[in-house]
Amino acid sequence: MTEHAVENTEFTSAEKKRMSRSQIKIMLVCFFDHKGIVHYEFIAKKHTVNQQCYLEVLTRLQESVQRKRPGLWPDKRILHHDNAPAHDALRVRKFLAKNSITKMDHPPYSPDLAPCNFWLFPKLKNGTKGQRFLDLSDIQRKVKTLLRGILENDFQDCFWQWHHRLTKCTASQQ
């Protein structure tokens, strides 16, 4: 999970364009597969993503998977998330085991191997770059529009890139 900070544009007296971080911040938690977005939600800046929060997100993810991908891998689901403490908590591991969800290992200190970090969030940042947002709902509306606009082929390409990156990482460690 990565915070998606929206940038605003300011002009100096010399009309030189300069980017500054917005004071409005929100975190996007997003799960997707090769077909598209399965579940996403926004978490306000004041909330901490601890193991309890993440368990609640995973519960809602389960509901989204059942609703959006019925019958798709009912007995074998694989989840890839980074090594954040909330993701690796004992209660989270028990939840995954109880629900027959296999956690795919993520190499430590490797944000370049997380599809959200190398593919999705840069795509969203490019789509919001230079825009001013009045409030959180304005940001959420724009991000939802951007998410809906991503094509299935783009998700398939993301998974190809991810496989390529993992293969290179594995080969370099031998």
N, C-alpha and C. Protein backbone atom coordinates (compact mmCIF):
# COMPACT_ATOMS: atom_id res chain seq x y z
N MET A 1 0.85 -1.17 0.00
CA MET A 1 0.00 0.00 0.00
C MET A 1 0.89 1.23 0.00
N THR A 2 0.52 2.17 -0.74
CA THR A 2 1.29 3.39 -0.86
C THR A 2 0.36 4.56 -0.85
N GLU A 3 0.77 5.61 -0.18
CA GLU A 3 -0.05 6.81 -0.17
C GLU A 3 0.04 7.49 -1.53
N HIS A 4 -1.09 7.87 -2.03
CA HIS A 4 -1.15 8.55 -3.32
C HIS A 4 -1.34 10.04 -3.02
N ALA A 5 -0.26 10.79 -3.00
CA ALA A 5 -0.35 12.22 -2.71
C ALA A 5 -0.54 12.97 -4.02
N VAL A 6 -1.53 13.80 -4.05
CA VAL A 6 -1.83 14.56 -5.24
C VAL A 6 -1.02 15.85 -5.22
N GLU A 7 -0.46 16.20 -6.36
CA GLU A 7 0.37 17.39 -6.44
C GLU A 7 -0.41 18.54 -7.06
N ASN A 8 -0.16 19.75 -6.57
CA ASN A 8 -0.77 20.95 -7.11
C ASN A 8 0.30 21.78 -7.78
N THR A 9 -0.11 22.65 -8.68
CA THR A 9 0.81 23.50 -9.40
C THR A 9 0.77 24.90 -8.82
N GLU A 10 1.93 25.49 -8.61
CA GLU A 10 2.03 26.88 -8.18
C GLU A 10 2.92 27.61 -9.17
N PHE A 11 2.72 28.93 -9.31
CA PHE A 11 3.55 29.72 -10.20
C PHE A 11 4.33 30.74 -9.37
N THR A 12 5.60 30.87 -9.67
CA THR A 12 6.42 31.87 -9.01
C THR A 12 6.30 33.18 -9.78
N SER A 13 6.89 34.24 -9.26
CA SER A 13 6.78 35.54 -9.92
C SER A 13 7.41 35.53 -11.31
N ALA A 14 8.34 34.65 -11.56
CA ALA A 14 8.99 34.57 -12.87
C ALA A 14 8.22 33.63 -13.81
N GLU A 15 7.00 33.24 -13.39
CA GLU A 15 6.16 32.34 -14.18
C GLU A 15 6.81 30.97 -14.39
N LYS A 16 7.71 30.60 -13.50
CA LYS A 16 8.33 29.29 -13.57
C LYS A 16 7.42 28.30 -12.85
N LYS A 17 7.08 27.23 -13.52
CA LYS A 17 6.17 26.25 -12.96
C LYS A 17 6.89 25.42 -11.89
N ARG A 18 6.23 25.25 -10.75
CA ARG A 18 6.82 24.48 -9.66
C ARG A 18 5.72 23.63 -9.03
N MET A 19 6.03 22.37 -8.77
CA MET A 19 5.06 21.47 -8.17
C MET A 19 5.23 21.46 -6.65
N SER A 20 4.11 21.49 -5.96
CA SER A 20 4.14 21.38 -4.50
C SER A 20 3.12 20.33 -4.07
N ARG A 21 3.41 19.68 -2.98
CA ARG A 21 2.52 18.64 -2.49
C ARG A 21 1.25 19.28 -1.93
N SER A 22 0.16 18.60 -2.17
CA SER A 22 -1.13 19.06 -1.67
C SER A 22 -1.20 18.83 -0.17
N GLN A 23 -1.98 19.65 0.51
CA GLN A 23 -2.22 19.45 1.93
C GLN A 23 -3.30 18.38 2.14
N ILE A 24 -4.02 18.07 1.09
CA ILE A 24 -5.05 17.04 1.15
C ILE A 24 -4.41 15.72 0.76
N LYS A 25 -4.44 14.75 1.68
CA LYS A 25 -3.83 13.46 1.40
C LYS A 25 -4.80 12.35 1.77
N ILE A 26 -4.72 11.30 0.99
CA ILE A 26 -5.55 10.13 1.24
C ILE A 26 -4.78 8.91 0.74
N MET A 27 -5.00 7.77 1.38
CA MET A 27 -4.33 6.54 0.98
C MET A 27 -5.28 5.69 0.16
N LEU A 28 -4.77 5.13 -0.90
CA LEU A 28 -5.55 4.22 -1.74
C LEU A 28 -5.03 2.82 -1.51
N VAL A 29 -5.94 1.91 -1.18
CA VAL A 29 -5.63 0.48 -1.06
C VAL A 29 -6.33 -0.17 -2.24
N CYS A 30 -5.56 -0.86 -3.07
CA CYS A 30 -6.14 -1.37 -4.32
C CYS A 30 -5.66 -2.81 -4.57
N PHE A 31 -6.61 -3.66 -4.94
CA PHE A 31 -6.32 -5.04 -5.30
C PHE A 31 -6.82 -5.27 -6.72
N PHE A 32 -5.98 -5.89 -7.53
CA PHE A 32 -6.39 -6.18 -8.90
C PHE A 32 -5.78 -7.49 -9.37
N ASP A 33 -6.37 -8.01 -10.43
CA ASP A 33 -5.85 -9.20 -11.07
C ASP A 33 -5.65 -8.91 -12.55
N HIS A 34 -5.44 -9.94 -13.34
CA HIS A 34 -5.15 -9.74 -14.77
C HIS A 34 -6.36 -9.21 -15.55
N LYS A 35 -7.54 -9.23 -14.95
CA LYS A 35 -8.74 -8.73 -15.62
C LYS A 35 -9.08 -7.29 -15.25
N GLY A 36 -8.60 -6.84 -14.09
CA GLY A 36 -8.91 -5.47 -13.68
C GLY A 36 -8.99 -5.32 -12.17
N ILE A 37 -9.55 -4.20 -11.75
CA ILE A 37 -9.67 -3.90 -10.33
C ILE A 37 -10.69 -4.84 -9.71
N VAL A 38 -10.31 -5.46 -8.58
CA VAL A 38 -11.21 -6.33 -7.84
C VAL A 38 -11.79 -5.56 -6.66
N HIS A 39 -10.95 -4.79 -5.99
CA HIS A 39 -11.41 -4.03 -4.82
C HIS A 39 -10.47 -2.87 -4.58
N TYR A 40 -11.04 -1.75 -4.18
CA TYR A 40 -10.23 -0.62 -3.75
C TYR A 40 -11.01 0.16 -2.70
N GLU A 41 -10.29 0.85 -1.88
CA GLU A 41 -10.91 1.74 -0.91
C GLU A 41 -9.91 2.82 -0.51
N PHE A 42 -10.46 3.90 -0.04
CA PHE A 42 -9.66 5.03 0.40
C PHE A 42 -9.60 5.03 1.92
N ILE A 43 -8.43 5.34 2.45
CA ILE A 43 -8.25 5.42 3.89
C ILE A 43 -7.74 6.82 4.20
N ALA A 44 -8.46 7.52 5.04
CA ALA A 44 -8.11 8.91 5.36
C ALA A 44 -6.77 8.98 6.08
N LYS A 45 -6.13 10.11 5.94
CA LYS A 45 -4.79 10.32 6.50
C LYS A 45 -4.74 10.07 8.01
N LYS A 46 -5.81 10.40 8.71
CA LYS A 46 -5.80 10.27 10.18
C LYS A 46 -5.88 8.82 10.65
N HIS A 47 -6.22 7.89 9.76
CA HIS A 47 -6.31 6.48 10.14
C HIS A 47 -4.97 5.78 9.93
N THR A 48 -4.66 4.88 10.84
CA THR A 48 -3.45 4.07 10.75
C THR A 48 -3.80 2.71 10.17
N VAL A 49 -3.01 2.27 9.23
CA VAL A 49 -3.24 0.94 8.67
C VAL A 49 -2.46 -0.06 9.53
N ASN A 50 -3.13 -0.52 10.56
CA ASN A 50 -2.56 -1.54 11.43
C ASN A 50 -3.21 -2.88 11.07
N GLN A 51 -2.90 -3.92 11.85
CA GLN A 51 -3.42 -5.23 11.48
C GLN A 51 -4.94 -5.29 11.54
N GLN A 52 -5.57 -4.59 12.47
CA GLN A 52 -7.03 -4.59 12.56
C GLN A 52 -7.65 -3.95 11.32
N CYS A 53 -7.11 -2.80 10.93
CA CYS A 53 -7.59 -2.11 9.72
C CYS A 53 -7.39 -3.01 8.50
N TYR A 54 -6.23 -3.64 8.40
CA TYR A 54 -5.95 -4.47 7.22
C TYR A 54 -6.85 -5.71 7.18
N LEU A 55 -7.16 -6.28 8.34
CA LEU A 55 -8.09 -7.41 8.39
C LEU A 55 -9.47 -7.00 7.89
N GLU A 56 -9.90 -5.80 8.25
CA GLU A 56 -11.19 -5.30 7.78
C GLU A 56 -11.17 -5.12 6.25
N VAL A 57 -10.06 -4.60 5.74
CA VAL A 57 -9.91 -4.44 4.29
C VAL A 57 -9.94 -5.81 3.60
N LEU A 58 -9.25 -6.79 4.17
CA LEU A 58 -9.22 -8.13 3.58
C LEU A 58 -10.61 -8.78 3.59
N THR A 59 -11.37 -8.52 4.63
CA THR A 59 -12.74 -9.04 4.69
C THR A 59 -13.58 -8.45 3.57
N ARG A 60 -13.47 -7.15 3.36
CA ARG A 60 -14.20 -6.51 2.26
C ARG A 60 -13.68 -6.99 0.90
N LEU A 61 -12.37 -7.27 0.82
CA LEU A 61 -11.80 -7.82 -0.40
C LEU A 61 -12.44 -9.18 -0.71
N GLN A 62 -12.58 -10.03 0.31
CA GLN A 62 -13.22 -11.34 0.13
C GLN A 62 -14.61 -11.19 -0.49
N GLU A 63 -15.38 -10.22 0.04
CA GLU A 63 -16.73 -9.99 -0.47
C GLU A 63 -16.69 -9.53 -1.93
N SER A 64 -15.74 -8.66 -2.24
CA SER A 64 -15.61 -8.17 -3.62
C SER A 64 -15.22 -9.29 -4.58
N VAL A 65 -14.32 -10.17 -4.14
CA VAL A 65 -13.90 -11.29 -4.98
C VAL A 65 -15.10 -12.19 -5.27
N GLN A 66 -15.89 -12.50 -4.23
CA GLN A 66 -17.06 -13.36 -4.42
C GLN A 66 -18.09 -12.71 -5.35
N ARG A 67 -18.21 -11.39 -5.28
CA ARG A 67 -19.19 -10.68 -6.10
C ARG A 67 -18.68 -10.47 -7.53
N LYS A 68 -17.41 -10.09 -7.69
CA LYS A 68 -16.88 -9.72 -9.01
C LYS A 68 -16.23 -10.87 -9.77
N ARG A 69 -15.73 -11.87 -9.06
CA ARG A 69 -15.06 -12.99 -9.71
C ARG A 69 -15.61 -14.32 -9.20
N PRO A 70 -16.94 -14.51 -9.28
CA PRO A 70 -17.50 -15.76 -8.76
C PRO A 70 -16.97 -16.96 -9.55
N GLY A 71 -16.59 -17.98 -8.82
CA GLY A 71 -16.11 -19.19 -9.46
C GLY A 71 -14.68 -19.14 -9.95
N LEU A 72 -14.06 -17.98 -9.92
CA LEU A 72 -12.69 -17.86 -10.40
C LEU A 72 -11.75 -18.32 -9.29
N TRP A 73 -11.07 -19.38 -9.49
CA TRP A 73 -10.13 -19.95 -8.52
C TRP A 73 -10.74 -20.05 -7.12
N PRO A 74 -11.86 -20.72 -6.95
CA PRO A 74 -12.50 -20.75 -5.64
C PRO A 74 -11.66 -21.42 -4.56
N ASP A 75 -10.82 -22.36 -4.95
CA ASP A 75 -10.05 -23.09 -3.96
C ASP A 75 -8.57 -22.69 -3.94
N LYS A 76 -8.17 -21.78 -4.81
CA LYS A 76 -6.76 -21.40 -4.84
C LYS A 76 -6.64 -19.93 -5.22
N ARG A 77 -6.45 -19.12 -4.22
CA ARG A 77 -6.25 -17.69 -4.45
C ARG A 77 -4.87 -17.31 -3.92
N ILE A 78 -4.21 -16.46 -4.65
CA ILE A 78 -2.88 -16.02 -4.25
C ILE A 78 -2.93 -14.51 -4.08
N LEU A 79 -2.40 -14.05 -2.96
CA LEU A 79 -2.36 -12.63 -2.65
C LEU A 79 -0.91 -12.17 -2.60
N HIS A 80 -0.62 -11.11 -3.30
CA HIS A 80 0.71 -10.51 -3.22
C HIS A 80 0.58 -9.14 -2.57
N HIS A 81 1.26 -8.96 -1.48
CA HIS A 81 1.36 -7.65 -0.87
C HIS A 81 2.77 -7.51 -0.33
N ASP A 82 3.18 -6.27 -0.06
CA ASP A 82 4.55 -6.07 0.38
C ASP A 82 4.72 -6.51 1.84
N ASN A 83 5.85 -6.19 2.41
CA ASN A 83 6.19 -6.68 3.74
C ASN A 83 5.87 -5.68 4.86
N ALA A 84 4.87 -4.87 4.67
CA ALA A 84 4.48 -3.93 5.74
C ALA A 84 4.11 -4.73 6.98
N PRO A 85 4.40 -4.20 8.16
CA PRO A 85 4.09 -4.94 9.40
C PRO A 85 2.64 -5.41 9.50
N ALA A 86 1.70 -4.58 9.06
CA ALA A 86 0.28 -4.97 9.13
C ALA A 86 -0.01 -6.18 8.24
N HIS A 87 0.73 -6.33 7.15
CA HIS A 87 0.50 -7.43 6.22
C HIS A 87 1.04 -8.75 6.76
N ASP A 88 2.02 -8.66 7.62
CA ASP A 88 2.70 -9.86 8.10
C ASP A 88 2.33 -10.22 9.54
N ALA A 89 1.33 -9.55 10.09
CA ALA A 89 0.91 -9.82 11.47
C ALA A 89 0.32 -11.22 11.58
N LEU A 90 0.46 -11.81 12.73
CA LEU A 90 -0.02 -13.18 12.97
C LEU A 90 -1.52 -13.30 12.67
N ARG A 91 -2.32 -12.35 13.10
CA ARG A 91 -3.77 -12.40 12.84
C ARG A 91 -4.06 -12.36 11.34
N VAL A 92 -3.30 -11.62 10.59
CA VAL A 92 -3.48 -11.55 9.14
C VAL A 92 -3.11 -12.89 8.52
N ARG A 93 -2.00 -13.47 8.95
CA ARG A 93 -1.58 -14.78 8.42
C ARG A 93 -2.62 -15.85 8.73
N LYS A 94 -3.21 -15.79 9.92
CA LYS A 94 -4.26 -16.75 10.29
C LYS A 94 -5.50 -16.55 9.42
N PHE A 95 -5.86 -15.31 9.17
CA PHE A 95 -7.01 -15.01 8.30
C PHE A 95 -6.79 -15.58 6.90
N LEU A 96 -5.60 -15.37 6.36
CA LEU A 96 -5.29 -15.87 5.03
C LEU A 96 -5.35 -17.40 5.00
N ALA A 97 -4.79 -18.05 6.01
CA ALA A 97 -4.81 -19.52 6.06
C ALA A 97 -6.24 -20.04 6.19
N LYS A 98 -7.03 -19.42 7.05
CA LYS A 98 -8.42 -19.84 7.26
C LYS A 98 -9.23 -19.72 5.98
N ASN A 99 -8.93 -18.74 5.15
CA ASN A 99 -9.67 -18.50 3.92
C ASN A 99 -8.99 -19.07 2.68
N SER A 100 -8.02 -19.96 2.89
CA SER A 100 -7.31 -20.65 1.80
C SER A 100 -6.71 -19.67 0.80
N ILE A 101 -6.09 -18.63 1.32
CA ILE A 101 -5.42 -17.64 0.48
C ILE A 101 -3.93 -17.78 0.70
N THR A 102 -3.21 -18.06 -0.36
CA THR A 102 -1.76 -18.20 -0.29
C THR A 102 -1.13 -16.83 -0.44
N LYS A 103 -0.22 -16.51 0.44
CA LYS A 103 0.51 -15.24 0.36
C LYS A 103 1.78 -15.47 -0.44
N MET A 104 1.93 -14.72 -1.49
CA MET A 104 3.14 -14.80 -2.29
C MET A 104 4.21 -13.95 -1.62
N ASP A 105 5.39 -14.52 -1.43
CA ASP A 105 6.47 -13.78 -0.77
C ASP A 105 6.90 -12.58 -1.59
N HIS A 106 7.26 -11.54 -0.90
CA HIS A 106 7.75 -10.32 -1.52
C HIS A 106 9.15 -10.05 -0.98
N PRO A 107 10.14 -9.89 -1.85
CA PRO A 107 11.51 -9.65 -1.38
C PRO A 107 11.59 -8.37 -0.54
N PRO A 108 12.32 -8.38 0.56
CA PRO A 108 12.43 -7.18 1.38
C PRO A 108 13.09 -6.03 0.61
N TYR A 109 12.67 -4.83 0.95
CA TYR A 109 13.24 -3.60 0.39
C TYR A 109 13.18 -3.59 -1.15
N SER A 110 12.07 -4.05 -1.70
CA SER A 110 11.94 -4.13 -3.16
C SER A 110 10.63 -3.50 -3.65
N PRO A 111 10.46 -2.19 -3.46
CA PRO A 111 9.22 -1.57 -3.94
C PRO A 111 9.08 -1.64 -5.45
N ASP A 112 10.20 -1.82 -6.15
CA ASP A 112 10.14 -1.91 -7.61
C ASP A 112 9.53 -3.23 -8.08
N LEU A 113 9.25 -4.13 -7.15
CA LEU A 113 8.62 -5.40 -7.49
C LEU A 113 7.15 -5.45 -7.09
N ALA A 114 6.63 -4.37 -6.56
CA ALA A 114 5.22 -4.30 -6.19
C ALA A 114 4.46 -3.61 -7.32
N PRO A 115 3.52 -4.32 -7.96
CA PRO A 115 2.81 -3.74 -9.11
C PRO A 115 2.14 -2.39 -8.82
N CYS A 116 1.65 -2.19 -7.61
CA CYS A 116 1.06 -0.89 -7.29
C CYS A 116 2.12 0.20 -7.35
N ASN A 117 3.32 -0.10 -6.88
CA ASN A 117 4.38 0.91 -6.84
C ASN A 117 5.00 1.19 -8.21
N PHE A 118 5.22 0.17 -9.01
CA PHE A 118 5.90 0.42 -10.29
C PHE A 118 4.93 0.69 -11.43
N TRP A 119 3.64 0.36 -11.25
CA TRP A 119 2.72 0.50 -12.38
C TRP A 119 1.48 1.33 -12.05
N LEU A 120 0.70 0.92 -11.05
CA LEU A 120 -0.60 1.57 -10.81
C LEU A 120 -0.47 2.99 -10.29
N PHE A 121 0.30 3.19 -9.22
CA PHE A 121 0.37 4.53 -8.62
C PHE A 121 1.02 5.55 -9.55
N PRO A 122 2.08 5.20 -10.28
CA PRO A 122 2.59 6.17 -11.26
C PRO A 122 1.54 6.53 -12.32
N LYS A 123 0.74 5.56 -12.73
CA LYS A 123 -0.32 5.81 -13.71
C LYS A 123 -1.34 6.80 -13.14
N LEU A 124 -1.70 6.63 -11.86
CA LEU A 124 -2.65 7.53 -11.23
C LEU A 124 -2.04 8.92 -11.01
N LYS A 125 -0.79 8.95 -10.62
CA LYS A 125 -0.12 10.25 -10.42
C LYS A 125 -0.04 11.03 -11.72
N ASN A 126 0.28 10.35 -12.82
CA ASN A 126 0.32 11.03 -14.12
C ASN A 126 -1.04 11.58 -14.50
N GLY A 127 -2.09 10.86 -14.13
CA GLY A 127 -3.45 11.29 -14.45
C GLY A 127 -3.95 12.45 -13.62
N THR A 128 -3.27 12.72 -12.50
CA THR A 128 -3.70 13.82 -11.63
C THR A 128 -2.69 14.96 -11.58
N LYS A 129 -1.56 14.77 -12.24
CA LYS A 129 -0.49 15.75 -12.18
C LYS A 129 -0.94 17.13 -12.66
N GLY A 130 -0.61 18.14 -11.88
CA GLY A 130 -0.90 19.52 -12.26
C GLY A 130 -2.33 19.97 -11.99
N GLN A 131 -3.14 19.11 -11.41
CA GLN A 131 -4.53 19.47 -11.14
C GLN A 131 -4.70 19.89 -9.69
N ARG A 132 -5.61 20.80 -9.46
CA ARG A 132 -5.95 21.23 -8.10
C ARG A 132 -7.24 20.53 -7.68
N PHE A 133 -7.25 20.06 -6.45
CA PHE A 133 -8.43 19.40 -5.91
C PHE A 133 -8.89 20.17 -4.68
N LEU A 134 -10.18 20.40 -4.60
CA LEU A 134 -10.73 21.20 -3.52
C LEU A 134 -10.87 20.42 -2.22
N ASP A 135 -11.19 19.14 -2.34
CA ASP A 135 -11.40 18.34 -1.14
C ASP A 135 -11.18 16.86 -1.45
N LEU A 136 -11.33 16.01 -0.43
CA LEU A 136 -11.10 14.58 -0.59
C LEU A 136 -12.05 13.95 -1.60
N SER A 137 -13.29 14.37 -1.60
CA SER A 137 -14.24 13.76 -2.53
C SER A 137 -13.87 14.08 -3.99
N ASP A 138 -13.28 15.24 -4.21
CA ASP A 138 -12.82 15.62 -5.54
C ASP A 138 -11.68 14.69 -6.00
N ILE A 139 -10.76 14.42 -5.09
CA ILE A 139 -9.65 13.51 -5.39
C ILE A 139 -10.19 12.10 -5.65
N GLN A 140 -11.07 11.64 -4.77
CA GLN A 140 -11.62 10.30 -4.91
C GLN A 140 -12.36 10.13 -6.24
N ARG A 141 -13.12 11.12 -6.61
CA ARG A 141 -13.86 11.08 -7.87
C ARG A 141 -12.90 10.93 -9.06
N LYS A 142 -11.81 11.70 -9.04
CA LYS A 142 -10.84 11.65 -10.14
C LYS A 142 -10.14 10.29 -10.19
N VAL A 143 -9.73 9.79 -9.02
CA VAL A 143 -9.03 8.50 -8.97
C VAL A 143 -9.96 7.37 -9.43
N LYS A 144 -11.22 7.41 -9.00
CA LYS A 144 -12.18 6.39 -9.45
C LYS A 144 -12.32 6.41 -10.97
N THR A 145 -12.39 7.59 -11.54
CA THR A 145 -12.50 7.73 -12.99
C THR A 145 -11.27 7.14 -13.67
N LEU A 146 -10.09 7.44 -13.12
CA LEU A 146 -8.86 6.90 -13.69
C LEU A 146 -8.82 5.38 -13.59
N LEU A 147 -9.23 4.83 -12.45
CA LEU A 147 -9.23 3.38 -12.27
C LEU A 147 -10.17 2.70 -13.26
N ARG A 148 -11.36 3.29 -13.45
CA ARG A 148 -12.32 2.71 -14.40
C ARG A 148 -11.82 2.78 -15.84
N GLY A 149 -10.91 3.71 -16.11
CA GLY A 149 -10.42 3.88 -17.47
C GLY A 149 -9.26 2.97 -17.85
N ILE A 150 -8.77 2.19 -16.91
CA ILE A 150 -7.65 1.27 -17.22
C ILE A 150 -8.21 0.03 -17.91
N LEU A 151 -7.65 -0.29 -19.06
CA LEU A 151 -8.14 -1.41 -19.86
C LEU A 151 -7.60 -2.75 -19.37
N GLU A 152 -8.33 -3.83 -19.69
CA GLU A 152 -7.90 -5.17 -19.29
C GLU A 152 -6.52 -5.49 -19.85
N ASN A 153 -6.24 -5.06 -21.08
CA ASN A 153 -4.92 -5.30 -21.67
C ASN A 153 -3.81 -4.64 -20.85
N ASP A 154 -4.10 -3.48 -20.25
CA ASP A 154 -3.12 -2.80 -19.41
C ASP A 154 -2.79 -3.63 -18.17
N PHE A 155 -3.82 -4.25 -17.58
CA PHE A 155 -3.59 -5.10 -16.41
C PHE A 155 -2.76 -6.32 -16.80
N GLN A 156 -3.05 -6.90 -17.95
CA GLN A 156 -2.29 -8.05 -18.42
C GLN A 156 -0.83 -7.66 -18.66
N ASP A 157 -0.62 -6.47 -19.21
CA ASP A 157 0.74 -5.97 -19.42
C ASP A 157 1.45 -5.76 -18.09
N CYS A 158 0.73 -5.27 -17.10
CA CYS A 158 1.32 -5.09 -15.76
C CYS A 158 1.83 -6.42 -15.22
N PHE A 159 1.03 -7.47 -15.37
CA PHE A 159 1.45 -8.78 -14.87
C PHE A 159 2.62 -9.32 -15.65
N TRP A 160 2.71 -9.03 -16.94
CA TRP A 160 3.87 -9.43 -17.73
C TRP A 160 5.10 -8.69 -17.21
N GLN A 161 4.99 -7.38 -16.96
CA GLN A 161 6.11 -6.59 -16.43
C GLN A 161 6.54 -7.13 -15.07
N TRP A 162 5.56 -7.46 -14.24
CA TRP A 162 5.85 -7.98 -12.90
C TRP A 162 6.62 -9.29 -13.00
N HIS A 163 6.17 -10.20 -13.86
CA HIS A 163 6.86 -11.47 -14.06
C HIS A 163 8.30 -11.23 -14.53
N HIS A 164 8.46 -10.32 -15.47
CA HIS A 164 9.78 -9.99 -15.99
C HIS A 164 10.69 -9.46 -14.87
N ARG A 165 10.17 -8.56 -14.05
CA ARG A 165 10.96 -8.00 -12.95
C ARG A 165 11.34 -9.07 -11.92
N LEU A 166 10.38 -9.94 -11.58
CA LEU A 166 10.67 -11.01 -10.63
C LEU A 166 11.71 -11.97 -11.17
N THR A 167 11.62 -12.27 -12.46
CA THR A 167 12.59 -13.18 -13.09
C THR A 167 13.99 -12.58 -13.04
N LYS A 168 14.10 -11.28 -13.36
CA LYS A 168 15.40 -10.62 -13.30
C LYS A 168 15.95 -10.59 -11.87
N CYS A 169 15.09 -10.34 -10.90
CA CYS A 169 15.52 -10.30 -9.50
C CYS A 169 16.02 -11.68 -9.05
N THR A 170 15.26 -12.71 -9.41
CA THR A 170 15.66 -14.08 -9.04
C THR A 170 16.98 -14.46 -9.69
N ALA A 171 17.14 -14.12 -10.98
CA ALA A 171 18.36 -14.47 -11.70
C ALA A 171 19.56 -13.74 -11.12
N SER A 172 19.39 -12.52 -10.66
CA SER A 172 20.52 -11.75 -10.11
C SER A 172 20.98 -12.27 -8.76
N GLN A 173 20.12 -13.03 -8.07
CA GLN A 173 20.48 -13.55 -6.74
C GLN A 173 21.16 -14.90 -6.82
N GLN A 174 21.30 -15.47 -8.02
CA GLN A 174 21.92 -16.79 -8.15
C GLN A 174 23.40 -16.68 -8.36
